């Protein structure tokens, strides 16, 4: 399926109704569902269903489609979080940090946070040595003043999306 470009939603977010929410719930549960099956599950005929999906994509409610990959089967044995503090909270410094780490293939998420640090990163590593190398790489960045890492032992819940 085509993946719309992600980005900020328009200032005036369109209203969505119960049928739109049902479409979103079905796509969140199964992004590979055919339009015919989606239409059947939501009580629509296929053409109006497809128009609604396209409208939800264009409005930014649907940011893309992806497969949920088992990282460990592909050799990514460690998932860890890093709380990163910078020496300045000026927008230029924050944006530069985001730009730098965005290029790291091991980076899965980057969140600017409040309280206890400036950023929370979720990263994957092949092994402990790789995790240590990534941590050292973070510590070595010019404006980074502190890094705290938290290694995941077990993940009991990892839900995609939001409650609909």
N, C-alpha and C. Protein backbone atom coordinates (compact mmCIF):
# COMPACT_ATOMS: atom_id res chain seq x y z
N UNK A 1 0.83 -1.18 0.00
CA UNK A 1 0.00 0.00 0.00
C UNK A 1 0.87 1.24 0.00
N UNK A 2 0.37 2.28 -0.58
CA UNK A 2 1.07 3.54 -0.59
C UNK A 2 1.13 4.10 0.83
N UNK A 3 2.26 4.67 1.20
CA UNK A 3 2.42 5.26 2.52
C UNK A 3 2.43 6.77 2.38
N UNK A 4 1.43 7.46 2.95
CA UNK A 4 1.43 8.91 2.88
C UNK A 4 2.58 9.49 3.68
N UNK A 5 3.04 10.66 3.28
CA UNK A 5 4.11 11.33 4.03
C UNK A 5 3.58 11.71 5.40
N UNK A 6 4.39 11.44 6.41
CA UNK A 6 3.96 11.84 7.75
C UNK A 6 4.38 13.27 7.99
N UNK A 7 3.69 13.90 8.89
CA UNK A 7 3.99 15.28 9.22
C UNK A 7 2.86 15.83 10.05
N UNK A 8 2.95 17.10 10.39
CA UNK A 8 1.90 17.67 11.21
C UNK A 8 0.57 17.71 10.48
N UNK A 9 -0.49 17.50 11.23
CA UNK A 9 -1.83 17.59 10.65
C UNK A 9 -2.18 19.06 10.45
N UNK A 10 -3.11 19.33 9.55
CA UNK A 10 -3.53 20.71 9.32
C UNK A 10 -4.06 21.33 10.61
N UNK A 11 -4.00 22.67 10.67
CA UNK A 11 -4.44 23.38 11.87
C UNK A 11 -5.89 23.05 12.20
N UNK A 12 -6.72 22.90 11.19
CA UNK A 12 -8.12 22.54 11.41
C UNK A 12 -8.30 21.07 11.10
N UNK A 13 -8.28 20.23 12.12
CA UNK A 13 -8.43 18.80 11.94
C UNK A 13 -9.90 18.51 11.63
N UNK A 14 -10.16 17.79 10.55
CA UNK A 14 -11.55 17.48 10.22
C UNK A 14 -12.20 16.58 11.26
N UNK A 15 -13.47 16.71 11.40
CA UNK A 15 -14.22 15.86 12.32
C UNK A 15 -14.30 14.45 11.72
N UNK A 16 -14.30 13.46 12.60
CA UNK A 16 -14.50 12.09 12.14
C UNK A 16 -15.70 11.52 12.87
N UNK A 17 -16.40 10.63 12.19
CA UNK A 17 -17.60 10.04 12.79
C UNK A 17 -17.32 8.60 13.22
N UNK A 18 -18.38 7.92 13.67
CA UNK A 18 -18.25 6.55 14.17
C UNK A 18 -17.75 5.60 13.08
N UNK A 19 -18.16 5.82 11.83
CA UNK A 19 -17.71 4.95 10.73
C UNK A 19 -16.21 5.16 10.49
N UNK A 20 -15.75 6.42 10.52
CA UNK A 20 -14.32 6.69 10.37
C UNK A 20 -13.53 6.00 11.49
N UNK A 21 -14.04 6.06 12.70
CA UNK A 21 -13.36 5.41 13.83
C UNK A 21 -13.31 3.90 13.64
N UNK A 22 -14.37 3.33 13.09
CA UNK A 22 -14.38 1.89 12.83
C UNK A 22 -13.35 1.54 11.75
N UNK A 23 -13.27 2.37 10.73
CA UNK A 23 -12.26 2.17 9.68
C UNK A 23 -10.86 2.21 10.30
N UNK A 24 -10.62 3.22 11.13
CA UNK A 24 -9.31 3.35 11.77
C UNK A 24 -9.01 2.14 12.66
N UNK A 25 -10.00 1.67 13.40
CA UNK A 25 -9.81 0.51 14.27
C UNK A 25 -9.47 -0.73 13.45
N UNK A 26 -10.18 -0.94 12.35
CA UNK A 26 -9.93 -2.11 11.51
C UNK A 26 -8.55 -2.04 10.86
N UNK A 27 -8.16 -0.87 10.37
CA UNK A 27 -6.84 -0.72 9.74
C UNK A 27 -5.72 -0.83 10.78
N UNK A 28 -5.98 -0.35 11.99
CA UNK A 28 -4.97 -0.47 13.05
C UNK A 28 -4.75 -1.93 13.41
N UNK A 29 -5.82 -2.72 13.39
CA UNK A 29 -5.71 -4.15 13.70
C UNK A 29 -5.11 -4.95 12.55
N UNK A 30 -5.38 -4.52 11.31
CA UNK A 30 -4.90 -5.26 10.14
C UNK A 30 -4.70 -4.28 8.98
N UNK A 31 -3.49 -3.77 8.84
CA UNK A 31 -3.18 -2.82 7.79
C UNK A 31 -3.20 -3.42 6.39
N UNK A 32 -3.26 -4.75 6.31
CA UNK A 32 -3.27 -5.41 4.99
C UNK A 32 -4.68 -5.77 4.53
N UNK A 33 -5.68 -5.40 5.29
CA UNK A 33 -7.05 -5.73 4.92
C UNK A 33 -7.38 -5.12 3.56
N UNK A 34 -8.10 -5.85 2.75
CA UNK A 34 -8.49 -5.32 1.44
C UNK A 34 -9.61 -4.30 1.64
N UNK A 35 -9.75 -3.42 0.67
CA UNK A 35 -10.82 -2.43 0.74
C UNK A 35 -12.19 -3.11 0.76
N UNK A 36 -12.32 -4.21 0.04
CA UNK A 36 -13.61 -4.93 0.01
C UNK A 36 -13.95 -5.46 1.40
N UNK A 37 -12.96 -6.09 2.08
CA UNK A 37 -13.21 -6.59 3.43
C UNK A 37 -13.43 -5.46 4.42
N UNK A 38 -12.68 -4.38 4.28
CA UNK A 38 -12.85 -3.23 5.15
C UNK A 38 -14.25 -2.64 4.99
N UNK A 39 -14.69 -2.53 3.76
CA UNK A 39 -16.04 -2.01 3.50
C UNK A 39 -17.09 -2.91 4.13
N UNK A 40 -16.92 -4.23 3.97
CA UNK A 40 -17.88 -5.16 4.56
C UNK A 40 -17.92 -5.02 6.07
N UNK A 41 -16.76 -4.92 6.71
CA UNK A 41 -16.70 -4.84 8.17
C UNK A 41 -17.25 -3.52 8.71
N UNK A 42 -17.24 -2.49 7.89
CA UNK A 42 -17.71 -1.19 8.35
C UNK A 42 -19.10 -0.82 7.84
N UNK A 43 -19.71 -1.74 7.08
CA UNK A 43 -21.07 -1.50 6.60
C UNK A 43 -21.16 -0.53 5.44
N UNK A 44 -20.08 -0.38 4.70
CA UNK A 44 -20.08 0.51 3.54
C UNK A 44 -19.90 -0.31 2.27
N UNK A 45 -20.16 0.32 1.14
CA UNK A 45 -19.77 -0.31 -0.12
C UNK A 45 -18.33 0.12 -0.40
N UNK A 46 -17.60 -0.62 -1.24
CA UNK A 46 -16.17 -0.32 -1.44
C UNK A 46 -15.83 1.10 -1.89
N UNK A 47 -16.52 1.72 -2.87
CA UNK A 47 -16.10 3.07 -3.28
C UNK A 47 -16.16 4.12 -2.16
N UNK A 48 -17.26 4.21 -1.38
CA UNK A 48 -17.26 5.20 -0.30
C UNK A 48 -16.24 4.86 0.79
N UNK A 49 -16.01 3.57 1.01
CA UNK A 49 -15.02 3.17 2.01
C UNK A 49 -13.64 3.65 1.59
N UNK A 50 -13.28 3.44 0.33
CA UNK A 50 -11.98 3.88 -0.16
C UNK A 50 -11.85 5.40 -0.09
N UNK A 51 -12.92 6.13 -0.40
CA UNK A 51 -12.88 7.59 -0.31
C UNK A 51 -12.62 8.03 1.13
N UNK A 52 -13.26 7.34 2.09
CA UNK A 52 -13.04 7.68 3.50
C UNK A 52 -11.60 7.39 3.92
N UNK A 53 -11.07 6.25 3.48
CA UNK A 53 -9.68 5.92 3.82
C UNK A 53 -8.75 6.98 3.25
N UNK A 54 -8.93 7.37 2.01
CA UNK A 54 -8.08 8.39 1.38
C UNK A 54 -8.18 9.72 2.13
N UNK A 55 -9.41 10.08 2.54
CA UNK A 55 -9.61 11.33 3.28
C UNK A 55 -8.90 11.26 4.63
N UNK A 56 -8.96 10.10 5.31
CA UNK A 56 -8.27 9.92 6.59
C UNK A 56 -6.75 9.98 6.41
N UNK A 57 -6.25 9.46 5.29
CA UNK A 57 -4.81 9.55 4.99
C UNK A 57 -4.40 11.00 4.75
N UNK A 58 -5.17 11.68 3.90
CA UNK A 58 -4.84 13.06 3.55
C UNK A 58 -4.91 13.99 4.75
N UNK A 59 -5.82 13.71 5.69
CA UNK A 59 -5.97 14.54 6.89
C UNK A 59 -4.91 14.21 7.94
N UNK A 60 -4.14 13.16 7.72
CA UNK A 60 -3.06 12.82 8.64
C UNK A 60 -3.44 11.85 9.75
N UNK A 61 -4.68 11.37 9.77
CA UNK A 61 -5.07 10.38 10.79
C UNK A 61 -4.33 9.06 10.56
N UNK A 62 -4.15 8.71 9.29
CA UNK A 62 -3.38 7.52 8.92
C UNK A 62 -2.05 8.02 8.39
N UNK A 63 -0.97 7.72 9.12
CA UNK A 63 0.35 8.22 8.75
C UNK A 63 1.12 7.24 7.89
N UNK A 64 0.69 5.99 7.84
CA UNK A 64 1.41 5.02 7.03
C UNK A 64 0.99 3.61 7.39
N UNK A 65 1.61 2.65 6.73
CA UNK A 65 1.34 1.23 6.93
C UNK A 65 2.69 0.53 7.07
N UNK A 66 2.75 -0.45 7.94
CA UNK A 66 4.01 -1.16 8.12
C UNK A 66 3.77 -2.57 8.60
N UNK A 67 4.80 -3.39 8.49
CA UNK A 67 4.75 -4.75 9.02
C UNK A 67 5.40 -4.75 10.41
N UNK A 68 4.88 -5.53 11.32
CA UNK A 68 5.43 -5.67 12.66
C UNK A 68 6.48 -6.78 12.60
N UNK A 69 7.74 -6.41 12.59
CA UNK A 69 8.86 -7.34 12.38
C UNK A 69 9.39 -7.83 13.72
N UNK A 70 9.73 -9.11 13.81
CA UNK A 70 10.36 -9.67 15.01
C UNK A 70 11.84 -9.34 14.97
N UNK A 71 12.26 -8.36 15.76
CA UNK A 71 13.64 -7.89 15.76
C UNK A 71 14.62 -8.98 16.15
N UNK A 72 14.27 -9.81 17.13
CA UNK A 72 15.20 -10.83 17.60
C UNK A 72 15.48 -11.88 16.53
N UNK A 73 14.48 -12.24 15.74
CA UNK A 73 14.70 -13.20 14.66
C UNK A 73 15.68 -12.66 13.62
N UNK A 74 15.78 -11.34 13.54
CA UNK A 74 16.69 -10.71 12.59
C UNK A 74 18.03 -10.33 13.22
N UNK A 75 18.26 -10.78 14.46
CA UNK A 75 19.56 -10.55 15.10
C UNK A 75 19.67 -9.33 15.98
N UNK A 76 18.58 -8.61 16.19
CA UNK A 76 18.58 -7.45 17.07
C UNK A 76 18.15 -7.93 18.45
N UNK A 77 19.12 -8.40 19.24
CA UNK A 77 18.84 -9.08 20.50
C UNK A 77 18.49 -8.15 21.65
N UNK A 78 18.89 -6.89 21.56
CA UNK A 78 18.71 -5.97 22.68
C UNK A 78 17.89 -4.77 22.24
N UNK A 79 16.89 -4.43 23.06
CA UNK A 79 16.19 -3.16 22.92
C UNK A 79 16.48 -2.39 24.19
N UNK A 80 16.84 -1.13 24.05
CA UNK A 80 17.09 -0.33 25.24
C UNK A 80 16.63 1.11 25.02
N UNK A 81 16.46 1.78 26.14
CA UNK A 81 16.05 3.18 26.13
C UNK A 81 17.22 4.00 26.63
N UNK A 82 17.34 5.20 26.15
CA UNK A 82 18.36 6.13 26.63
C UNK A 82 17.68 7.45 26.95
N UNK A 83 17.91 7.91 28.16
CA UNK A 83 17.46 9.25 28.56
C UNK A 83 18.66 10.16 28.36
N UNK A 84 18.51 11.16 27.52
CA UNK A 84 19.62 12.01 27.13
C UNK A 84 19.37 13.44 27.59
N UNK A 85 20.34 14.00 28.28
CA UNK A 85 20.30 15.40 28.67
C UNK A 85 21.29 16.18 27.84
N UNK A 86 20.89 17.35 27.41
CA UNK A 86 21.76 18.22 26.62
C UNK A 86 22.22 19.40 27.48
N UNK A 87 23.27 20.07 27.05
CA UNK A 87 23.79 21.18 27.84
C UNK A 87 23.03 22.48 27.58
N UNK A 88 22.07 22.46 26.68
CA UNK A 88 21.26 23.64 26.37
C UNK A 88 19.90 23.17 25.85
N UNK A 89 18.88 23.96 26.15
CA UNK A 89 17.56 23.65 25.62
C UNK A 89 17.14 24.64 24.54
N UNK A 90 18.11 25.32 23.97
CA UNK A 90 17.82 26.21 22.86
C UNK A 90 17.33 25.37 21.69
N UNK A 91 16.39 25.89 20.96
CA UNK A 91 15.77 25.15 19.86
C UNK A 91 16.80 24.66 18.85
N UNK A 92 17.80 25.45 18.56
CA UNK A 92 18.83 25.04 17.59
C UNK A 92 19.58 23.81 18.08
N UNK A 93 19.86 23.73 19.37
CA UNK A 93 20.58 22.59 19.94
C UNK A 93 19.68 21.35 19.92
N UNK A 94 18.42 21.52 20.32
CA UNK A 94 17.47 20.40 20.33
C UNK A 94 17.28 19.85 18.91
N UNK A 95 17.08 20.74 17.96
CA UNK A 95 16.86 20.32 16.57
C UNK A 95 18.09 19.63 15.99
N UNK A 96 19.28 20.14 16.33
CA UNK A 96 20.51 19.52 15.84
C UNK A 96 20.66 18.11 16.37
N UNK A 97 20.35 17.90 17.66
CA UNK A 97 20.42 16.56 18.24
C UNK A 97 19.45 15.62 17.51
N UNK A 98 18.22 16.08 17.31
CA UNK A 98 17.23 15.26 16.60
C UNK A 98 17.71 14.91 15.20
N UNK A 99 18.31 15.86 14.52
CA UNK A 99 18.80 15.62 13.15
C UNK A 99 19.91 14.58 13.15
N UNK A 100 20.82 14.67 14.11
CA UNK A 100 21.95 13.74 14.16
C UNK A 100 21.47 12.31 14.40
N UNK A 101 20.66 12.11 15.45
CA UNK A 101 20.26 10.73 15.78
C UNK A 101 19.27 10.15 14.78
N UNK A 102 18.58 11.01 14.04
CA UNK A 102 17.62 10.51 13.04
C UNK A 102 18.30 9.65 11.99
N UNK A 103 19.58 9.85 11.77
CA UNK A 103 20.33 9.08 10.77
C UNK A 103 20.84 7.74 11.30
N UNK A 104 20.69 7.48 12.58
CA UNK A 104 21.17 6.22 13.15
C UNK A 104 20.17 5.11 12.84
N UNK A 105 20.56 4.06 12.14
CA UNK A 105 19.61 3.00 11.82
C UNK A 105 19.09 2.27 13.06
N UNK A 106 19.84 2.27 14.14
CA UNK A 106 19.42 1.59 15.36
C UNK A 106 18.35 2.36 16.13
N UNK A 107 18.19 3.64 15.83
CA UNK A 107 17.19 4.47 16.51
C UNK A 107 15.79 4.10 16.01
N UNK A 108 14.92 3.73 16.91
CA UNK A 108 13.55 3.38 16.54
C UNK A 108 12.57 4.47 16.91
N UNK A 109 12.83 5.20 18.01
CA UNK A 109 11.97 6.31 18.42
C UNK A 109 12.83 7.37 19.08
N UNK A 110 12.41 8.61 18.93
CA UNK A 110 13.06 9.74 19.59
C UNK A 110 11.96 10.67 20.07
N UNK A 111 11.89 10.85 21.39
CA UNK A 111 10.86 11.69 21.99
C UNK A 111 11.51 12.81 22.79
N UNK A 112 11.11 14.05 22.55
CA UNK A 112 11.52 15.12 23.45
C UNK A 112 10.65 14.98 24.68
N UNK A 113 11.27 15.05 25.87
CA UNK A 113 10.52 14.81 27.10
C UNK A 113 10.68 15.97 28.07
N UNK A 114 9.83 15.95 29.07
CA UNK A 114 9.87 16.92 30.14
C UNK A 114 10.18 16.18 31.43
N UNK A 115 11.12 16.67 32.19
CA UNK A 115 11.43 16.08 33.49
C UNK A 115 12.44 14.96 33.38
N UNK A 116 13.61 15.13 33.96
CA UNK A 116 14.59 14.05 34.01
C UNK A 116 15.48 13.91 32.78
N UNK A 117 15.32 14.74 31.82
CA UNK A 117 16.14 14.68 30.62
C UNK A 117 15.49 15.48 29.52
N UNK A 118 16.14 15.50 28.37
CA UNK A 118 15.60 16.24 27.22
C UNK A 118 14.99 15.31 26.17
N UNK A 119 15.57 14.09 26.04
CA UNK A 119 15.08 13.15 25.05
C UNK A 119 15.03 11.75 25.62
N UNK A 120 14.07 11.00 25.17
CA UNK A 120 13.98 9.56 25.44
C UNK A 120 14.09 8.87 24.10
N UNK A 121 15.10 8.02 23.96
CA UNK A 121 15.32 7.29 22.72
C UNK A 121 15.05 5.82 22.95
N UNK A 122 14.49 5.17 21.93
CA UNK A 122 14.40 3.70 21.93
C UNK A 122 15.30 3.22 20.82
N UNK A 123 16.24 2.35 21.19
CA UNK A 123 17.23 1.85 20.24
C UNK A 123 17.28 0.33 20.28
N UNK A 124 17.79 -0.25 19.21
CA UNK A 124 18.03 -1.69 19.16
C UNK A 124 19.51 -1.92 18.92
N UNK A 125 20.00 -3.05 19.45
CA UNK A 125 21.41 -3.41 19.29
C UNK A 125 21.51 -4.91 19.05
N UNK A 126 22.55 -5.30 18.35
CA UNK A 126 22.74 -6.73 18.05
C UNK A 126 23.19 -7.51 19.27
N UNK A 127 23.99 -6.86 20.15
CA UNK A 127 24.51 -7.53 21.34
C UNK A 127 24.96 -6.47 22.33
N UNK A 128 25.52 -6.90 23.48
CA UNK A 128 25.94 -5.96 24.52
C UNK A 128 27.04 -5.03 24.02
N UNK A 129 27.96 -5.54 23.23
CA UNK A 129 29.04 -4.69 22.71
C UNK A 129 28.48 -3.59 21.81
N UNK A 130 27.50 -3.94 21.01
CA UNK A 130 26.87 -2.96 20.13
C UNK A 130 26.12 -1.92 20.96
N UNK A 131 25.41 -2.37 22.00
CA UNK A 131 24.71 -1.44 22.90
C UNK A 131 25.71 -0.47 23.54
N UNK A 132 26.83 -1.00 24.01
CA UNK A 132 27.85 -0.15 24.62
C UNK A 132 28.41 0.85 23.61
N UNK A 133 28.61 0.42 22.39
CA UNK A 133 29.13 1.32 21.35
C UNK A 133 28.13 2.45 21.06
N UNK A 134 26.85 2.11 21.02
CA UNK A 134 25.83 3.13 20.79
C UNK A 134 25.79 4.12 21.95
N UNK A 135 25.90 3.59 23.16
CA UNK A 135 25.90 4.47 24.34
C UNK A 135 27.10 5.41 24.30
N UNK A 136 28.26 4.89 23.98
CA UNK A 136 29.46 5.71 23.86
C UNK A 136 29.31 6.75 22.75
N UNK A 137 28.67 6.36 21.68
CA UNK A 137 28.44 7.29 20.58
C UNK A 137 27.55 8.45 21.04
N UNK A 138 26.52 8.13 21.81
CA UNK A 138 25.64 9.17 22.37
C UNK A 138 26.42 10.09 23.29
N UNK A 139 27.17 9.49 24.22
CA UNK A 139 27.94 10.27 25.19
C UNK A 139 28.92 11.19 24.48
N UNK A 140 29.44 10.75 23.35
CA UNK A 140 30.43 11.52 22.61
C UNK A 140 29.88 12.67 21.79
N UNK A 141 28.56 12.77 21.66
CA UNK A 141 28.00 13.87 20.88
C UNK A 141 28.27 15.20 21.59
N UNK A 142 28.55 16.22 20.81
CA UNK A 142 29.04 17.49 21.33
C UNK A 142 28.18 18.11 22.43
N UNK A 143 26.89 18.20 22.29
CA UNK A 143 26.06 18.92 23.26
C UNK A 143 25.42 18.01 24.31
N UNK A 144 25.76 16.73 24.31
CA UNK A 144 25.20 15.78 25.29
C UNK A 144 25.93 15.92 26.61
N UNK A 145 25.16 16.15 27.69
CA UNK A 145 25.77 16.30 29.01
C UNK A 145 25.59 15.06 29.88
N UNK A 146 24.58 14.25 29.60
CA UNK A 146 24.39 13.02 30.37
C UNK A 146 23.54 12.03 29.58
N UNK A 147 23.80 10.74 29.85
CA UNK A 147 23.05 9.65 29.21
C UNK A 147 22.79 8.59 30.27
N UNK A 148 21.55 8.19 30.39
CA UNK A 148 21.18 7.06 31.26
C UNK A 148 20.52 6.03 30.37
N UNK A 149 21.02 4.79 30.40
CA UNK A 149 20.42 3.74 29.58
C UNK A 149 19.64 2.77 30.44
N UNK A 150 18.58 2.24 29.86
CA UNK A 150 17.70 1.29 30.52
C UNK A 150 17.48 0.13 29.56
N UNK A 151 18.00 -1.04 29.87
CA UNK A 151 17.86 -2.18 28.98
C UNK A 151 16.55 -2.90 29.25
N UNK A 152 15.86 -3.26 28.20
CA UNK A 152 14.61 -4.00 28.31
C UNK A 152 14.91 -5.46 28.63
N UNK A 153 14.24 -5.97 29.66
CA UNK A 153 14.38 -7.38 30.02
C UNK A 153 13.27 -8.19 29.34
N UNK A 154 12.06 -7.67 29.41
CA UNK A 154 10.92 -8.36 28.82
C UNK A 154 9.89 -7.30 28.45
N UNK A 155 9.19 -7.53 27.37
CA UNK A 155 8.09 -6.65 26.95
C UNK A 155 6.81 -7.45 27.02
N UNK A 156 5.93 -7.09 27.94
CA UNK A 156 4.67 -7.84 28.07
C UNK A 156 3.56 -7.24 27.23
N UNK A 157 3.66 -5.96 26.89
CA UNK A 157 2.68 -5.32 26.03
C UNK A 157 3.39 -4.33 25.11
N UNK A 158 3.07 -4.38 23.86
CA UNK A 158 3.58 -3.42 22.87
C UNK A 158 2.47 -3.20 21.86
N UNK A 159 1.55 -2.35 22.21
CA UNK A 159 0.41 -2.11 21.35
C UNK A 159 0.68 -0.97 20.39
N UNK A 160 0.33 -1.18 19.17
CA UNK A 160 0.45 -0.12 18.17
C UNK A 160 -0.80 0.74 18.22
N UNK A 161 -0.68 1.97 17.82
CA UNK A 161 -1.84 2.84 17.70
C UNK A 161 -2.38 3.33 19.01
N UNK A 162 -3.68 3.62 19.00
CA UNK A 162 -4.37 4.20 20.16
C UNK A 162 -5.71 3.50 20.36
N UNK A 163 -6.30 3.62 21.55
CA UNK A 163 -7.64 3.04 21.74
C UNK A 163 -8.67 3.73 20.84
N UNK A 164 -9.43 2.95 20.13
CA UNK A 164 -10.49 3.51 19.29
C UNK A 164 -11.79 2.89 19.71
